[in-house]
Amino acid sequence: MLLFRWTILLALLAATAAFMFYAGTGQDRFRRYGWVILKWALIAAFGFFAVLIAERVG
């Protein structure tokens, strides 16, 4: 469980870094990387919380 938390945290930090690179350089590829990383981090977070809720209910 701790591994999933760290993975999600690191993915969010990577997305933040990509957006900072976009702000600094103006290159669209960094913005695209940021959105892709953010999308998968949110999917992972929702899946993680769904598992926690399912454990609580069941």
N, C-alpha and C. Protein backbone atom coordinates (compact mmCIF):
# COMPACT_ATOMS: atom_id res chain seq x y z
N MET A 1 0.83 -1.18 0.00
CA MET A 1 0.00 0.00 0.00
C MET A 1 0.88 1.25 0.00
N LEU A 2 1.95 1.21 0.77
CA LEU A 2 2.86 2.34 0.80
C LEU A 2 3.51 2.56 -0.57
N LEU A 3 3.78 1.47 -1.26
CA LEU A 3 4.38 1.57 -2.59
C LEU A 3 3.46 2.32 -3.56
N PHE A 4 2.17 2.04 -3.50
CA PHE A 4 1.22 2.73 -4.39
C PHE A 4 1.14 4.21 -4.05
N ARG A 5 1.17 4.54 -2.77
CA ARG A 5 1.13 5.95 -2.39
C ARG A 5 2.34 6.70 -2.93
N TRP A 6 3.52 6.10 -2.78
CA TRP A 6 4.73 6.74 -3.27
C TRP A 6 4.72 6.85 -4.79
N THR A 7 4.21 5.83 -5.46
CA THR A 7 4.15 5.86 -6.92
C THR A 7 3.25 6.99 -7.40
N ILE A 8 2.11 7.15 -6.78
CA ILE A 8 1.19 8.22 -7.16
C ILE A 8 1.82 9.58 -6.85
N LEU A 9 2.46 9.70 -5.70
CA LEU A 9 3.12 10.96 -5.34
C LEU A 9 4.22 11.31 -6.33
N LEU A 10 5.03 10.34 -6.69
CA LEU A 10 6.11 10.60 -7.64
C LEU A 10 5.57 10.95 -9.02
N ALA A 11 4.47 10.33 -9.42
CA ALA A 11 3.87 10.67 -10.70
C ALA A 11 3.34 12.11 -10.70
N LEU A 12 2.74 12.52 -9.59
CA LEU A 12 2.26 13.90 -9.50
C LEU A 12 3.42 14.89 -9.50
N LEU A 13 4.52 14.54 -8.84
CA LEU A 13 5.70 15.39 -8.87
C LEU A 13 6.30 15.47 -10.27
N ALA A 14 6.29 14.36 -11.00
CA ALA A 14 6.80 14.35 -12.37
C ALA A 14 5.93 15.22 -13.27
N ALA A 15 4.62 15.15 -13.08
CA ALA A 15 3.72 16.01 -13.87
C ALA A 15 3.98 17.49 -13.56
N THR A 16 4.19 17.80 -12.29
CA THR A 16 4.50 19.18 -11.90
C THR A 16 5.80 19.64 -12.55
N ALA A 17 6.80 18.77 -12.54
CA ALA A 17 8.08 19.13 -13.17
C ALA A 17 7.91 19.35 -14.67
N ALA A 18 7.09 18.52 -15.32
CA ALA A 18 6.86 18.69 -16.75
C ALA A 18 6.18 20.03 -17.04
N PHE A 19 5.20 20.40 -16.20
CA PHE A 19 4.53 21.68 -16.40
C PHE A 19 5.48 22.85 -16.12
N MET A 20 6.40 22.67 -15.18
CA MET A 20 7.38 23.72 -14.92
C MET A 20 8.34 23.86 -16.09
N PHE A 21 8.74 22.74 -16.70
CA PHE A 21 9.57 22.81 -17.90
C PHE A 21 8.83 23.51 -19.03
N TYR A 22 7.53 23.23 -19.14
CA TYR A 22 6.72 23.90 -20.18
C TYR A 22 6.68 25.41 -19.92
N ALA A 23 6.49 25.78 -18.67
CA ALA A 23 6.43 27.20 -18.34
C ALA A 23 7.78 27.88 -18.61
N GLY A 24 8.85 27.14 -18.38
CA GLY A 24 10.17 27.72 -18.57
C GLY A 24 10.61 27.78 -20.02
N THR A 25 10.25 26.76 -20.80
CA THR A 25 10.74 26.69 -22.18
C THR A 25 9.68 27.04 -23.22
N GLY A 26 8.41 26.82 -22.90
CA GLY A 26 7.35 27.08 -23.86
C GLY A 26 7.18 25.98 -24.89
N GLN A 27 7.89 24.86 -24.72
CA GLN A 27 7.78 23.76 -25.67
C GLN A 27 6.54 22.91 -25.34
N ASP A 28 5.73 22.68 -26.37
CA ASP A 28 4.47 21.97 -26.17
C ASP A 28 4.64 20.51 -25.75
N ARG A 29 5.79 19.93 -26.05
CA ARG A 29 5.97 18.52 -25.70
C ARG A 29 5.97 18.34 -24.19
N PHE A 30 6.46 19.31 -23.42
CA PHE A 30 6.45 19.19 -21.96
C PHE A 30 5.03 19.30 -21.41
N ARG A 31 4.21 20.15 -22.03
CA ARG A 31 2.81 20.24 -21.61
C ARG A 31 2.09 18.93 -21.88
N ARG A 32 2.36 18.33 -23.03
CA ARG A 32 1.75 17.05 -23.38
C ARG A 32 2.20 15.96 -22.41
N TYR A 33 3.50 15.92 -22.08
CA TYR A 33 4.00 14.95 -21.10
C TYR A 33 3.31 15.15 -19.75
N GLY A 34 3.17 16.39 -19.34
CA GLY A 34 2.52 16.68 -18.06
C GLY A 34 1.09 16.18 -18.01
N TRP A 35 0.33 16.42 -19.09
CA TRP A 35 -1.06 15.96 -19.11
C TRP A 35 -1.16 14.44 -19.10
N VAL A 36 -0.29 13.78 -19.84
CA VAL A 36 -0.32 12.31 -19.88
C VAL A 36 0.03 11.73 -18.51
N ILE A 37 1.08 12.27 -17.89
CA ILE A 37 1.47 11.78 -16.57
C ILE A 37 0.37 12.06 -15.56
N LEU A 38 -0.21 13.25 -15.60
CA LEU A 38 -1.28 13.61 -14.67
C LEU A 38 -2.49 12.71 -14.86
N LYS A 39 -2.84 12.42 -16.11
CA LYS A 39 -3.98 11.54 -16.38
C LYS A 39 -3.78 10.17 -15.75
N TRP A 40 -2.62 9.57 -15.96
CA TRP A 40 -2.37 8.24 -15.42
C TRP A 40 -2.22 8.25 -13.91
N ALA A 41 -1.70 9.34 -13.34
CA ALA A 41 -1.61 9.45 -11.89
C ALA A 41 -3.00 9.51 -11.27
N LEU A 42 -3.91 10.25 -11.90
CA LEU A 42 -5.28 10.32 -11.37
C LEU A 42 -6.01 9.00 -11.53
N ILE A 43 -5.81 8.32 -12.65
CA ILE A 43 -6.42 6.99 -12.82
C ILE A 43 -5.91 6.04 -11.76
N ALA A 44 -4.61 6.07 -11.48
CA ALA A 44 -4.04 5.21 -10.44
C ALA A 44 -4.60 5.57 -9.06
N ALA A 45 -4.74 6.86 -8.79
CA ALA A 45 -5.27 7.29 -7.49
C ALA A 45 -6.72 6.86 -7.33
N PHE A 46 -7.54 7.03 -8.37
CA PHE A 46 -8.93 6.60 -8.27
C PHE A 46 -9.03 5.10 -8.08
N GLY A 47 -8.18 4.34 -8.78
CA GLY A 47 -8.16 2.89 -8.59
C GLY A 47 -7.75 2.51 -7.19
N PHE A 48 -6.75 3.19 -6.65
CA PHE A 48 -6.28 2.93 -5.30
C PHE A 48 -7.40 3.18 -4.28
N PHE A 49 -8.08 4.31 -4.41
CA PHE A 49 -9.15 4.61 -3.47
C PHE A 49 -10.36 3.71 -3.67
N ALA A 50 -10.59 3.24 -4.88
CA ALA A 50 -11.68 2.29 -5.11
C ALA A 50 -11.40 0.98 -4.39
N VAL A 51 -10.15 0.55 -4.40
CA VAL A 51 -9.78 -0.66 -3.68
C VAL A 51 -9.95 -0.46 -2.17
N LEU A 52 -9.56 0.70 -1.67
CA LEU A 52 -9.74 0.97 -0.24
C LEU A 52 -11.21 0.98 0.15
N ILE A 53 -12.04 1.58 -0.67
CA ILE A 53 -13.48 1.61 -0.38
C ILE A 53 -14.07 0.21 -0.46
N ALA A 54 -13.65 -0.57 -1.44
CA ALA A 54 -14.15 -1.94 -1.57
C ALA A 54 -13.76 -2.79 -0.37
N GLU A 55 -12.57 -2.58 0.17
CA GLU A 55 -12.16 -3.30 1.37
C GLU A 55 -13.02 -2.91 2.57
N ARG A 56 -13.37 -1.64 2.65
CA ARG A 56 -14.18 -1.13 3.75
C ARG A 56 -15.60 -1.71 3.71
N VAL A 57 -16.16 -1.76 2.50
CA VAL A 57 -17.53 -2.23 2.34
C VAL A 57 -17.63 -3.73 2.53
N GLY A 58 -16.68 -4.45 1.95
CA GLY A 58 -16.74 -5.91 1.96
C GLY A 58 -16.25 -6.58 3.17
